[in-house]
Amino acid sequence: MADEFDFVQAMSRLIDCAEGRIPADTLFVNARIVDVYRLRVALGRVLVKDGCIAGVLFDDREADVPSPEAAQVVDCGGRYLAPGLIDGH
């Protein structure tokens, strides 16, 4: 039962981070994000909480969304961020 509680607590923290109620651990900004689902590369920001991606903000669609709070901000300088170890189909 303890493992189930840990999972629920972890998901709750990710959701709270994604919705801006708690700060992210790391915010990657000025990144070219490889979007394997829409087959594109777009500028954007990525939120990370507890080692998991909590949110992806594509700047072409959400430019008016302010950057969320984060303990650490990493400027990617236009470098690429690409997902790994996923099933893209």
PDB file of N, CA and C in Angstrom:
ATOM      1  N   MET A   1       0.811  -1.188   0.000  1.00  0.00           N
ATOM      2  CA  MET A   1       0.000   0.000   0.000  1.00  0.00           C
ATOM      3  C   MET A   1       0.865   1.266   0.000  1.00  0.00           C
ATOM      4  N   ALA A   2       2.080   1.172   0.568  1.00  0.00           N
ATOM      5  CA  ALA A   2       2.960   2.336   0.623  1.00  0.00           C
ATOM      6  C   ALA A   2       3.373   2.783  -0.778  1.00  0.00           C
ATOM      7  N   ASP A   3       3.631   1.827  -1.699  1.00  0.00           N
ATOM      8  CA  ASP A   3       4.015   2.190  -3.061  1.00  0.00           C
ATOM      9  C   ASP A   3       2.901   2.962  -3.760  1.00  0.00           C
ATOM     10  N   GLU A   4       1.664   2.543  -3.550  1.00  0.00           N
ATOM     11  CA  GLU A   4       0.530   3.237  -4.165  1.00  0.00           C
ATOM     12  C   GLU A   4       0.449   4.665  -3.644  1.00  0.00           C
ATOM     13  N   PHE A   5       0.651   4.856  -2.363  1.00  0.00           N
ATOM     14  CA  PHE A   5       0.613   6.198  -1.780  1.00  0.00           C
ATOM     15  C   PHE A   5       1.721   7.059  -2.352  1.00  0.00           C
ATOM     16  N   ASP A   6       2.930   6.509  -2.513  1.00  0.00           N
ATOM     17  CA  ASP A   6       4.041   7.261  -3.073  1.00  0.00           C
ATOM     18  C   ASP A   6       3.735   7.705  -4.500  1.00  0.00           C
ATOM     19  N   PHE A   7       3.098   6.825  -5.281  1.00  0.00           N
ATOM     20  CA  PHE A   7       2.736   7.162  -6.658  1.00  0.00           C
ATOM     21  C   PHE A   7       1.724   8.304  -6.678  1.00  0.00           C
ATOM     22  N   VAL A   8       0.723   8.224  -5.840  1.00  0.00           N
ATOM     23  CA  VAL A   8      -0.311   9.261  -5.781  1.00  0.00           C
ATOM     24  C   VAL A   8       0.305  10.582  -5.356  1.00  0.00           C
ATOM     25  N   GLN A   9       1.186  10.541  -4.370  1.00  0.00           N
ATOM     26  CA  GLN A   9       1.839  11.760  -3.906  1.00  0.00           C
ATOM     27  C   GLN A   9       2.719  12.358  -5.010  1.00  0.00           C
ATOM     28  N   ALA A  10       3.445  11.524  -5.736  1.00  0.00           N
ATOM     29  CA  ALA A  10       4.306  12.000  -6.826  1.00  0.00           C
ATOM     30  C   ALA A  10       3.475  12.639  -7.937  1.00  0.00           C
ATOM     31  N   MET A  11       2.381  12.012  -8.302  1.00  0.00           N
ATOM     32  CA  MET A  11       1.514  12.568  -9.348  1.00  0.00           C
ATOM     33  C   MET A  11       0.887  13.884  -8.890  1.00  0.00           C
ATOM     34  N   SER A  12       0.527  13.952  -7.629  1.00  0.00           N
ATOM     35  CA  SER A  12      -0.045  15.180  -7.083  1.00  0.00           C
ATOM     36  C   SER A  12       0.954  16.332  -7.165  1.00  0.00           C
ATOM     37  N   ARG A  13       2.221  16.050  -6.859  1.00  0.00           N
ATOM     38  CA  ARG A  13       3.248  17.086  -6.939  1.00  0.00           C
ATOM     39  C   ARG A  13       3.489  17.529  -8.387  1.00  0.00           C
ATOM     40  N   LEU A  14       3.468  16.584  -9.325  1.00  0.00           N
ATOM     41  CA  LEU A  14       3.630  16.950 -10.739  1.00  0.00           C
ATOM     42  C   LEU A  14       2.477  17.829 -11.212  1.00  0.00           C
ATOM     43  N   ILE A  15       1.272  17.470 -10.843  1.00  0.00           N
ATOM     44  CA  ILE A  15       0.104  18.264 -11.232  1.00  0.00           C
ATOM     45  C   ILE A  15       0.163  19.652 -10.607  1.00  0.00           C
ATOM     46  N   ASP A  16       0.517  19.723  -9.326  1.00  0.00           N
ATOM     47  CA  ASP A  16       0.638  21.022  -8.662  1.00  0.00           C
ATOM     48  C   ASP A  16       1.676  21.898  -9.348  1.00  0.00           C
ATOM     49  N   CYS A  17       2.773  21.313  -9.776  1.00  0.00           N
ATOM     50  CA  CYS A  17       3.812  22.052 -10.488  1.00  0.00           C
ATOM     51  C   CYS A  17       3.298  22.515 -11.850  1.00  0.00           C
ATOM     52  N   ALA A  18       2.671  21.614 -12.580  1.00  0.00           N
ATOM     53  CA  ALA A  18       2.161  21.946 -13.918  1.00  0.00           C
ATOM     54  C   ALA A  18       1.134  23.073 -13.862  1.00  0.00           C
ATOM     55  N   GLU A  19       0.377  23.132 -12.790  1.00  0.00           N
ATOM     56  CA  GLU A  19      -0.656  24.167 -12.656  1.00  0.00           C
ATOM     57  C   GLU A  19      -0.164  25.401 -11.915  1.00  0.00           C
ATOM     58  N   GLY A  20       1.136  25.429 -11.570  1.00  0.00           N
ATOM     59  CA  GLY A  20       1.725  26.623 -10.988  1.00  0.00           C
ATOM     60  C   GLY A  20       1.521  26.808  -9.495  1.00  0.00           C
ATOM     61  N   ARG A  21       1.046  25.794  -8.809  1.00  0.00           N
ATOM     62  CA  ARG A  21       0.828  25.920  -7.366  1.00  0.00           C
ATOM     63  C   ARG A  21       2.109  25.750  -6.563  1.00  0.00           C
ATOM     64  N   ILE A  22       3.066  25.002  -7.106  1.00  0.00           N
ATOM     65  CA  ILE A  22       4.384  24.855  -6.472  1.00  0.00           C
ATOM     66  C   ILE A  22       5.443  25.067  -7.554  1.00  0.00           C
ATOM     67  N   PRO A  23       6.613  25.552  -7.176  1.00  0.00           N
ATOM     68  CA  PRO A  23       7.644  25.820  -8.189  1.00  0.00           C
ATOM     69  C   PRO A  23       8.266  24.536  -8.734  1.00  0.00           C
ATOM     70  N   ALA A  24       8.753  24.637  -9.944  1.00  0.00           N
ATOM     71  CA  ALA A  24       9.488  23.528 -10.566  1.00  0.00           C
ATOM     72  C   ALA A  24      10.889  23.470  -9.968  1.00  0.00           C
ATOM     73  N   ASP A  25      11.520  22.324 -10.101  1.00  0.00           N
ATOM     74  CA  ASP A  25      12.925  22.209  -9.709  1.00  0.00           C
ATOM     75  C   ASP A  25      13.797  22.901 -10.757  1.00  0.00           C
ATOM     76  N   THR A  26      13.501  22.649 -12.034  1.00  0.00           N
ATOM     77  CA  THR A  26      14.271  23.213 -13.140  1.00  0.00           C
ATOM     78  C   THR A  26      13.322  23.671 -14.237  1.00  0.00           C
ATOM     79  N   LEU A  27      13.633  24.818 -14.817  1.00  0.00           N
ATOM     80  CA  LEU A  27      12.903  25.339 -15.966  1.00  0.00           C
ATOM     81  C   LEU A  27      13.917  25.545 -17.086  1.00  0.00           C
ATOM     82  N   PHE A  28      13.738  24.827 -18.186  1.00  0.00           N
ATOM     83  CA  PHE A  28      14.584  25.002 -19.366  1.00  0.00           C
ATOM     84  C   PHE A  28      13.911  26.025 -20.270  1.00  0.00           C
ATOM     85  N   VAL A  29      14.622  27.075 -20.631  1.00  0.00           N
ATOM     86  CA  VAL A  29      14.069  28.135 -21.479  1.00  0.00           C
ATOM     87  C   VAL A  29      14.899  28.246 -22.750  1.00  0.00           C
ATOM     88  N   ASN A  30      14.329  28.930 -23.754  1.00  0.00           N
ATOM     89  CA  ASN A  30      15.019  29.190 -25.021  1.00  0.00           C
ATOM     90  C   ASN A  30      15.511  27.888 -25.662  1.00  0.00           C
ATOM     91  N   ALA A  31      14.621  26.888 -25.672  1.00  0.00           N
ATOM     92  CA  ALA A  31      14.964  25.570 -26.220  1.00  0.00           C
ATOM     93  C   ALA A  31      14.201  25.311 -27.514  1.00  0.00           C
ATOM     94  N   ARG A  32      14.818  24.556 -28.393  1.00  0.00           N
ATOM     95  CA  ARG A  32      14.126  24.040 -29.584  1.00  0.00           C
ATOM     96  C   ARG A  32      13.671  22.628 -29.201  1.00  0.00           C
ATOM     97  N   ILE A  33      12.378  22.475 -29.030  1.00  0.00           N
ATOM     98  CA  ILE A  33      11.816  21.221 -28.532  1.00  0.00           C
ATOM     99  C   ILE A  33      11.394  20.349 -29.705  1.00  0.00           C
ATOM    100  N   VAL A  34      11.894  19.124 -29.725  1.00  0.00           N
ATOM    101  CA  VAL A  34      11.517  18.163 -30.757  1.00  0.00           C
ATOM    102  C   VAL A  34      10.190  17.536 -30.322  1.00  0.00           C
ATOM    103  N   ASP A  35       9.138  17.850 -31.052  1.00  0.00           N
ATOM    104  CA  ASP A  35       7.788  17.363 -30.762  1.00  0.00           C
ATOM    105  C   ASP A  35       7.512  16.177 -31.685  1.00  0.00           C
ATOM    106  N   VAL A  36       7.687  14.956 -31.170  1.00  0.00           N
ATOM    107  CA  VAL A  36       7.550  13.765 -31.998  1.00  0.00           C
ATOM    108  C   VAL A  36       6.100  13.450 -32.331  1.00  0.00           C
ATOM    109  N   TYR A  37       5.167  14.018 -31.609  1.00  0.00           N
ATOM    110  CA  TYR A  37       3.750  13.754 -31.880  1.00  0.00           C
ATOM    111  C   TYR A  37       3.213  14.634 -33.005  1.00  0.00           C
ATOM    112  N   ARG A  38       3.677  15.888 -33.070  1.00  0.00           N
ATOM    113  CA  ARG A  38       3.217  16.794 -34.127  1.00  0.00           C
ATOM    114  C   ARG A  38       4.248  16.931 -35.247  1.00  0.00           C
ATOM    115  N   LEU A  39       5.343  16.150 -35.152  1.00  0.00           N
ATOM    116  CA  LEU A  39       6.385  16.127 -36.184  1.00  0.00           C
ATOM    117  C   LEU A  39       6.902  17.524 -36.504  1.00  0.00           C
ATOM    118  N   ARG A  40       7.405  18.186 -35.474  1.00  0.00           N
ATOM    119  CA  ARG A  40       7.907  19.543 -35.644  1.00  0.00           C
ATOM    120  C   ARG A  40       8.983  19.823 -34.611  1.00  0.00           C
ATOM    121  N   VAL A  41       9.674  20.929 -34.810  1.00  0.00           N
ATOM    122  CA  VAL A  41      10.599  21.477 -33.829  1.00  0.00           C
ATOM    123  C   VAL A  41      10.106  22.887 -33.541  1.00  0.00           C
ATOM    124  N   ALA A  42       9.868  23.201 -32.270  1.00  0.00           N
ATOM    125  CA  ALA A  42       9.313  24.500 -31.904  1.00  0.00           C
ATOM    126  C   ALA A  42      10.045  25.061 -30.687  1.00  0.00           C
ATOM    127  N   LEU A  43      10.138  26.383 -30.640  1.00  0.00           N
ATOM    128  CA  LEU A  43      10.727  27.034 -29.476  1.00  0.00           C
ATOM    129  C   LEU A  43       9.802  26.862 -28.277  1.00  0.00           C
ATOM    130  N   GLY A  44      10.402  26.708 -27.099  1.00  0.00           N
ATOM    131  CA  GLY A  44       9.566  26.563 -25.924  1.00  0.00           C
ATOM    132  C   GLY A  44      10.340  26.428 -24.638  1.00  0.00           C
ATOM    133  N   ARG A  45       9.570  26.086 -23.593  1.00  0.00           N
ATOM    134  CA  ARG A  45      10.093  25.933 -22.234  1.00  0.00           C
ATOM    135  C   ARG A  45       9.636  24.594 -21.681  1.00  0.00           C
ATOM    136  N   VAL A  46      10.441  23.998 -20.815  1.00  0.00           N
ATOM    137  CA  VAL A  46      10.120  22.695 -20.222  1.00  0.00           C
ATOM    138  C   VAL A  46      10.303  22.784 -18.714  1.00  0.00           C
ATOM    139  N   LEU A  47       9.275  22.346 -17.975  1.00  0.00           N
ATOM    140  CA  LEU A  47       9.309  22.296 -16.511  1.00  0.00           C
ATOM    141  C   LEU A  47       9.673  20.903 -16.040  1.00  0.00           C
ATOM    142  N   VAL A  48      10.557  20.808 -15.054  1.00  0.00           N
ATOM    143  CA  VAL A  48      10.929  19.512 -14.475  1.00  0.00           C
ATOM    144  C   VAL A  48      10.707  19.571 -12.968  1.00  0.00           C
ATOM    145  N   LYS A  49      10.028  18.550 -12.436  1.00  0.00           N
ATOM    146  CA  LYS A  49       9.783  18.432 -10.995  1.00  0.00           C
ATOM    147  C   LYS A  49      10.085  17.003 -10.572  1.00  0.00           C
ATOM    148  N   ASP A  50      10.907  16.842  -9.573  1.00  0.00           N
ATOM    149  CA  ASP A  50      11.247  15.519  -9.036  1.00  0.00           C
ATOM    150  C   ASP A  50      11.745  14.559 -10.118  1.00  0.00           C
ATOM    151  N   GLY A  51      12.502  15.091 -11.085  1.00  0.00           N
ATOM    152  CA  GLY A  51      13.081  14.260 -12.132  1.00  0.00           C
ATOM    153  C   GLY A  51      12.142  13.891 -13.266  1.00  0.00           C
ATOM    154  N   CYS A  52      10.933  14.443 -13.262  1.00  0.00           N
ATOM    155  CA  CYS A  52       9.952  14.153 -14.321  1.00  0.00           C
ATOM    156  C   CYS A  52       9.531  15.441 -15.004  1.00  0.00           C
ATOM    157  N   ILE A  53       9.190  15.349 -16.284  1.00  0.00           N
ATOM    158  CA  ILE A  53       8.685  16.510 -17.002  1.00  0.00           C
ATOM    159  C   ILE A  53       7.281  16.810 -16.502  1.00  0.00           C
ATOM    160  N   ALA A  54       7.096  18.021 -15.991  1.00  0.00           N
ATOM    161  CA  ALA A  54       5.801  18.435 -15.465  1.00  0.00           C
ATOM    162  C   ALA A  54       5.018  19.256 -16.480  1.00  0.00           C
ATOM    163  N   GLY A  55       5.709  19.839 -17.458  1.00  0.00           N
ATOM    164  CA  GLY A  55       5.001  20.634 -18.445  1.00  0.00           C
ATOM    165  C   GLY A  55       5.899  21.067 -19.586  1.00  0.00           C
ATOM    166  N   VAL A  56       5.282  21.259 -20.740  1.00  0.00           N
ATOM    167  CA  VAL A  56       5.964  21.766 -21.924  1.00  0.00           C
ATOM    168  C   VAL A  56       5.142  22.942 -22.435  1.00  0.00           C
ATOM    169  N   LEU A  57       5.769  24.089 -22.551  1.00  0.00           N
ATOM    170  CA  LEU A  57       5.104  25.290 -23.057  1.00  0.00           C
ATOM    171  C   LEU A  57       5.740  25.660 -24.382  1.00  0.00           C
ATOM    172  N   PHE A  58       5.008  25.478 -25.463  1.00  0.00           N
ATOM    173  CA  PHE A  58       5.508  25.856 -26.782  1.00  0.00           C
ATOM    174  C   PHE A  58       5.269  27.342 -26.966  1.00  0.00           C
ATOM    175  N   ASP A  59       6.328  28.097 -27.209  1.00  0.00           N
ATOM    176  CA  ASP A  59       6.222  29.547 -27.283  1.00  0.00           C
ATOM    177  C   ASP A  59       5.390  30.035 -28.457  1.00  0.00           C
ATOM    178  N   ASP A  60       5.267  29.244 -29.513  1.00  0.00           N
ATOM    179  CA  ASP A  60       4.466  29.677 -30.655  1.00  0.00           C
ATOM    180  C   ASP A  60       2.975  29.709 -30.325  1.00  0.00           C
ATOM    181  N   ARG A  61       2.543  28.942 -29.354  1.00  0.00           N
ATOM    182  CA  ARG A  61       1.124  28.894 -28.987  1.00  0.00           C
ATOM    183  C   ARG A  61       0.843  29.581 -27.664  1.00  0.00           C
ATOM    184  N   GLU A  62       1.848  29.653 -26.777  1.00  0.00           N
ATOM    185  CA  GLU A  62       1.613  30.134 -25.427  1.00  0.00           C
ATOM    186  C   GLU A  62       2.576  31.250 -25.047  1.00  0.00           C
ATOM    187  N   ALA A  63       2.867  32.127 -26.006  1.00  0.00           N
ATOM    188  CA  ALA A  63       3.843  33.182 -25.763  1.00  0.00           C
ATOM    189  C   ALA A  63       3.388  34.130 -24.661  1.00  0.00           C
ATOM    190  N   ASP A  64       2.077  34.246 -24.468  1.00  0.00           N
ATOM    191  CA  ASP A  64       1.568  35.148 -23.445  1.00  0.00           C
ATOM    192  C   ASP A  64       1.564  34.518 -22.054  1.00  0.00           C
ATOM    193  N   VAL A  65       1.925  33.245 -21.945  1.00  0.00           N
ATOM    194  CA  VAL A  65       1.984  32.567 -20.653  1.00  0.00           C
ATOM    195  C   VAL A  65       3.324  32.896 -20.003  1.00  0.00           C
ATOM    196  N   PRO A  66       3.300  33.525 -18.817  1.00  0.00           N
ATOM    197  CA  PRO A  66       4.571  33.846 -18.168  1.00  0.00           C
ATOM    198  C   PRO A  66       5.305  32.587 -17.734  1.00  0.00           C
ATOM    199  N   SER A  67       6.621  32.689 -17.620  1.00  0.00           N
ATOM    200  CA  SER A  67       7.408  31.543 -17.173  1.00  0.00           C
ATOM    201  C   SER A  67       7.079  31.228 -15.725  1.00  0.00           C
ATOM    202  N   PRO A  68       6.848  29.962 -15.432  1.00  0.00           N
ATOM    203  CA  PRO A  68       6.552  29.565 -14.054  1.00  0.00           C
ATOM    204  C   PRO A  68       7.782  29.717 -13.161  1.00  0.00           C
ATOM    205  N   GLU A  69       7.548  29.670 -11.849  1.00  0.00           N
ATOM    206  CA  GLU A  69       8.643  29.735 -10.886  1.00  0.00           C
ATOM    207  C   GLU A  69       9.440  28.435 -10.923  1.00  0.00           C
ATOM    208  N   ALA A  70      10.751  28.566 -10.691  1.00  0.00           N
ATOM    209  CA  ALA A  70      11.622  27.388 -10.652  1.00  0.00           C
ATOM    210  C   ALA A  70      12.835  27.685  -9.782  1.00  0.00           C
ATOM    211  N   ALA A  71      13.326  26.651  -9.117  1.00  0.00           N
ATOM    212  CA  ALA A  71      14.525  26.799  -8.289  1.00  0.00           C
ATOM    213  C   ALA A  71      15.749  27.080  -9.143  1.00  0.00           C
ATOM    214  N   GLN A  72      15.778  26.517 -10.356  1.00  0.00           N
ATOM    215  CA  GLN A  72      16.905  26.697 -11.269  1.00  0.00           C
ATOM    216  C   GLN A  72      16.365  26.942 -12.667  1.00  0.00           C
ATOM    217  N   VAL A  73      16.913  27.936 -13.354  1.00  0.00           N
ATOM    218  CA  VAL A  73      16.542  28.220 -14.744  1.00  0.00           C
ATOM    219  C   VAL A  73      17.765  27.954 -15.609  1.00  0.00           C
ATOM    220  N   VAL A  74      17.573  27.131 -16.643  1.00  0.00           N
ATOM    221  CA  VAL A  74      18.656  26.790 -17.569  1.00  0.00           C
ATOM    222  C   VAL A  74      18.314  27.384 -18.935  1.00  0.00           C
ATOM    223  N   ASP A  75      19.157  28.288 -19.419  1.00  0.00           N
ATOM    224  CA  ASP A  75      18.982  28.859 -20.751  1.00  0.00           C
ATOM    225  C   ASP A  75      19.647  27.918 -21.749  1.00  0.00           C
ATOM    226  N   CYS A  76      18.851  27.307 -22.593  1.00  0.00           N
ATOM    227  CA  CYS A  76      19.369  26.330 -23.561  1.00  0.00           C
ATOM    228  C   CYS A  76      20.050  27.004 -24.744  1.00  0.00           C
ATOM    229  N   GLY A  77      19.891  28.304 -24.883  1.00  0.00           N
ATOM    230  CA  GLY A  77      20.578  29.023 -25.954  1.00  0.00           C
ATOM    231  C   GLY A  77      20.219  28.536 -27.342  1.00  0.00           C
ATOM    232  N   GLY A  78      18.982  28.086 -27.529  1.00  0.00           N
ATOM    233  CA  GLY A  78      18.546  27.606 -28.827  1.00  0.00           C
ATOM    234  C   GLY A  78      18.916  26.167 -29.129  1.00  0.00           C
ATOM    235  N   ARG A  79      19.487  25.475 -28.157  1.00  0.00           N
ATOM    236  CA  ARG A  79      19.818  24.059 -28.354  1.00  0.00           C
ATOM    237  C   ARG A  79      18.547  23.217 -28.373  1.00  0.00           C
ATOM    238  N   TYR A  80      18.685  21.997 -28.845  1.00  0.00           N
ATOM    239  CA  TYR A  80      17.549  21.089 -28.983  1.00  0.00           C
ATOM    240  C   TYR A  80      17.304  20.295 -27.708  1.00  0.00           C
ATOM    241  N   LEU A  81      16.035  20.117 -27.362  1.00  0.00           N
ATOM    242  CA  LEU A  81      15.607  19.173 -26.325  1.00  0.00           C
ATOM    243  C   LEU A  81      14.756  18.133 -27.019  1.00  0.00           C
ATOM    244  N   ALA A  82      15.125  16.876 -26.840  1.00  0.00           N
ATOM    245  CA  ALA A  82      14.406  15.782 -27.511  1.00  0.00           C
ATOM    246  C   ALA A  82      14.040  14.705 -26.492  1.00  0.00           C
ATOM    247  N   PRO A  83      12.874  14.106 -26.640  1.00  0.00           N
ATOM    248  CA  PRO A  83      12.487  13.045 -25.721  1.00  0.00           C
ATOM    249  C   PRO A  83      13.312  11.792 -25.977  1.00  0.00           C
ATOM    250  N   GLY A  84      13.424  10.993 -24.946  1.00  0.00           N
ATOM    251  CA  GLY A  84      14.144   9.738 -25.075  1.00  0.00           C
ATOM    252  C   GLY A  84      13.324   8.612 -24.455  1.00  0.00           C
ATOM    253  N   LEU A  85      13.558   7.411 -24.927  1.00  0.00           N
ATOM    254  CA  LEU A  85      12.912   6.219 -24.392  1.00  0.00           C
ATOM    255  C   LEU A  85      11.389   6.309 -24.368  1.00  0.00           C
ATOM    256  N   ILE A  86      10.806   6.747 -25.485  1.00  0.00           N
ATOM    257  CA  ILE A  86       9.341   6.763 -25.608  1.00  0.00           C
ATOM    258  C   ILE A  86       8.938   5.975 -26.840  1.00  0.00           C
ATOM    259  N   ASP A  87       7.709   5.574 -26.859  1.00  0.00           N
ATOM    260  CA  ASP A  87       7.131   4.932 -28.033  1.00  0.00           C
ATOM    261  C   ASP A  87       6.348   6.009 -28.775  1.00  0.00           C
ATOM    262  N   GLY A  88       6.892   6.494 -29.859  1.00  0.00           N
ATOM    263  CA  GLY A  88       6.299   7.632 -30.569  1.00  0.00           C
ATOM    264  C   GLY A  88       5.175   7.287 -31.518  1.00  0.00           C
ATOM    265  N   HIS A  89       4.647   6.069 -31.489  1.00  0.00           N
ATOM    266  CA  HIS A  89       3.549   5.755 -32.401  1.00  0.00           C
ATOM    267  C   HIS A  89       2.386   5.115 -31.736  1.00  0.00           C
TER     268      HIS A  89
END
